[in-house]
């Protein structure tokens, strides 16, 4: 999300007692230390971190689900896959029905979530599957800016694993680098992208922000969605990233 200016009367107040975080947000939850925020969003901006997460949760995700007659409170269990330090997960604390879970392969981020977001359950995963959850655990999974940093092999390994932990008719929502980002590719990679193939740069750094993966509409339709029903493809549905909704048969 774009970096926002700090408002004149910011919804932050210093904590009265020592903490791993210097601020509490208007939702009553602590805000991660600036270094953890930087790991997730690339800037040390606590206001943008929380407000950007609020926009994702209450506008981007809600509106995308609404297009298909779906609502977050109709789900029994939700997984934030690649949850980081809870930028999105914290926005779901007031949901009344679903159990909330988060997983990430950075153990430092997960430890912060466990200590500061007690309404949800968190686990550490590895760069490669599997997850520790049983089969058919979740009816909604969100993976924000995760598949944007995976090789094609890792992508399909994780799609298969997420399908395993999804309930029948469960919904998987992922974000991808689409046409908005492809224009910055060098000519040979842009040609590959336009031909409907998976494009990845710095594949040796898969799983980090240095690795970039790019997905055209053709690739999403013909390759990425295999094993799922493609419900929707929303170009720039999440800020500048595309949103894709997949349903498990």
Foldseek 3Di string as FASTA:
>chain_A
DDADDADPDAQWDADPDDDQAGTAGVVRFGFHQQVLVCQPPVGSHRVCLQVLLLCCQVPLVQVVQVVVPDDPLVWAEEEEEQCRLNSNVLNCLPRDHHAYEYEHQDVVSQVNCVVTVVSHYYDYDHLADDDPAAFAQTQEYEYECQVQQADPVRLVRVVVRVLRNHHAFGKYKYWAAEPLPLVPDPPVQNVCQVVQHKDWDPNVPGRGPVIGIYGYPSVVVPPNQPQWAWDDWACCSSPRIIMTMTTHD
